[in-house]
Amino acid sequence: MTPPNARRVLTVLVIAGLIALAAVATWTWGVVPVRNWVAQRNEITRLEAQLAEVEVSNVALEAEIRLLQTDAEIERIARRDFGLVYPGEEAYAILPRPVAGSG
């Protein structure tokens, strides 16, 4: 037979161990997963906003692609950027005014 004090100490140690085990289990299976879940939700929200921006950009780029495939836009760019003209037309280049004191 064990003395009553030893039995009490053993009981207290077992209860303390069970409480510690419950605390670790709660932290491991409760708090940490919740923290991870919240972090993942925040990341999902951020990525969804980023995706929405990319989708808006894609719509604008698709419209630009359609425009760039038209004859009128190709002609406009050729005239503006390269000074191209149809046969029989004359191209003029207007130079900027000279800056005062540069000559």
Protein backbone atom coordinates (compact mmCIF):
# COMPACT_ATOMS: atom_id res chain seq x y z
CA MET A 1 0.00 0.00 0.00
CA THR A 2 1.14 3.52 -0.78
CA PRO A 3 0.92 6.25 1.81
CA PRO A 4 -2.00 8.73 1.40
CA ASN A 5 0.35 11.67 0.64
CA ALA A 6 2.07 9.73 -2.13
CA ARG A 7 -1.32 8.86 -3.60
CA ARG A 8 -2.33 12.54 -3.52
CA VAL A 9 0.90 13.63 -5.17
CA LEU A 10 0.47 10.97 -7.85
CA THR A 11 -3.14 12.07 -8.44
CA VAL A 12 -2.09 15.72 -8.72
CA LEU A 13 0.70 14.80 -11.14
CA VAL A 14 -1.67 12.73 -13.29
CA ILE A 15 -4.24 15.55 -13.36
CA ALA A 16 -1.54 18.12 -14.16
CA GLY A 17 -0.27 15.88 -16.95
CA LEU A 18 -3.76 15.50 -18.38
CA ILE A 19 -4.29 19.26 -18.24
CA ALA A 20 -0.95 19.84 -19.97
CA LEU A 21 -1.84 17.24 -22.60
CA ALA A 22 -5.23 18.89 -23.15
CA ALA A 23 -3.55 22.30 -23.50
CA VAL A 24 -1.08 20.98 -26.06
CA ALA A 25 -3.84 19.21 -27.95
CA THR A 26 -5.99 22.34 -27.97
CA TRP A 27 -3.07 24.44 -29.21
CA THR A 28 -2.03 21.91 -31.84
CA TRP A 29 -5.45 20.94 -33.14
CA GLY A 30 -7.36 24.11 -32.34
CA VAL A 31 -5.44 27.36 -32.27
CA VAL A 32 -2.81 26.64 -34.90
CA PRO A 33 -5.28 25.38 -37.53
CA VAL A 34 -7.55 28.39 -36.90
CA ARG A 35 -4.59 30.73 -37.31
CA ASN A 36 -3.64 28.95 -40.54
CA TRP A 37 -7.23 29.11 -41.76
CA VAL A 38 -7.41 32.86 -41.11
CA ALA A 39 -4.09 33.40 -42.90
CA GLN A 40 -5.30 31.34 -45.86
CA ARG A 41 -8.57 33.28 -46.02
CA ASN A 42 -6.63 36.56 -46.07
CA GLU A 43 -4.37 35.21 -48.82
CA ILE A 44 -7.39 34.06 -50.83
CA THR A 45 -8.99 37.51 -50.50
CA ARG A 46 -5.76 39.19 -51.65
CA LEU A 47 -5.38 36.81 -54.60
CA GLU A 48 -9.03 37.21 -55.63
CA ALA A 49 -8.54 41.00 -55.75
CA GLN A 50 -5.39 40.53 -57.80
CA LEU A 51 -7.25 38.16 -60.15
CA ALA A 52 -10.01 40.73 -60.64
CA GLU A 53 -7.41 43.35 -61.63
CA VAL A 54 -5.82 40.93 -64.11
CA GLU A 55 -9.21 40.09 -65.60
CA VAL A 56 -9.99 43.80 -66.11
CA SER A 57 -6.58 44.24 -67.73
CA ASN A 58 -7.22 41.24 -69.98
CA VAL A 59 -10.53 42.70 -71.18
CA ALA A 60 -8.79 45.98 -72.06
CA LEU A 61 -5.97 44.14 -73.84
CA GLU A 62 -8.43 42.00 -75.81
CA ALA A 63 -10.20 45.18 -76.97
CA GLU A 64 -6.85 46.66 -78.00
CA ILE A 65 -6.00 43.47 -79.92
CA ARG A 66 -9.29 43.67 -81.83
CA LEU A 67 -8.62 47.35 -82.63
CA LEU A 68 -5.06 46.67 -83.78
CA GLN A 69 -6.37 44.10 -86.26
CA THR A 70 -8.48 46.64 -88.15
CA ASP A 71 -7.26 48.22 -91.36
CA ALA A 72 -8.10 51.71 -90.13
CA GLU A 73 -5.95 51.36 -87.01
CA ILE A 74 -3.06 49.84 -88.95
CA GLU A 75 -3.19 52.77 -91.37
CA ARG A 76 -3.40 55.31 -88.55
CA ILE A 77 -0.32 53.85 -86.82
CA ALA A 78 1.62 53.57 -90.10
CA ARG A 79 0.96 57.23 -90.88
CA ARG A 80 1.62 58.47 -87.33
CA ASP A 81 4.67 56.42 -86.38
CA PHE A 82 6.34 55.77 -89.71
CA GLY A 83 5.23 58.66 -91.93
CA LEU A 84 3.87 56.27 -94.54
CA VAL A 85 1.58 57.66 -97.23
CA TYR A 86 -0.30 56.30 -100.22
CA PRO A 87 1.22 56.74 -103.66
CA GLY A 88 0.51 60.25 -104.90
CA GLU A 89 0.28 61.73 -101.36
CA GLU A 90 2.97 63.93 -99.92
CA ALA A 91 4.24 63.62 -96.35
CA TYR A 92 5.32 66.68 -94.39
CA ALA A 93 7.30 66.77 -91.18
CA ILE A 94 6.76 69.79 -88.96
CA LEU A 95 9.80 70.46 -86.83
CA PRO A 96 9.60 72.10 -83.41
CA ARG A 97 10.74 75.69 -82.98
CA PRO A 98 14.38 76.10 -82.08
CA VAL A 99 15.02 76.76 -78.43
CA ALA A 100 16.23 80.31 -77.73
CA GLY A 101 19.97 80.52 -77.00
CA SER A 102 20.82 77.15 -78.50
CA GLY A 103 22.41 78.52 -81.66
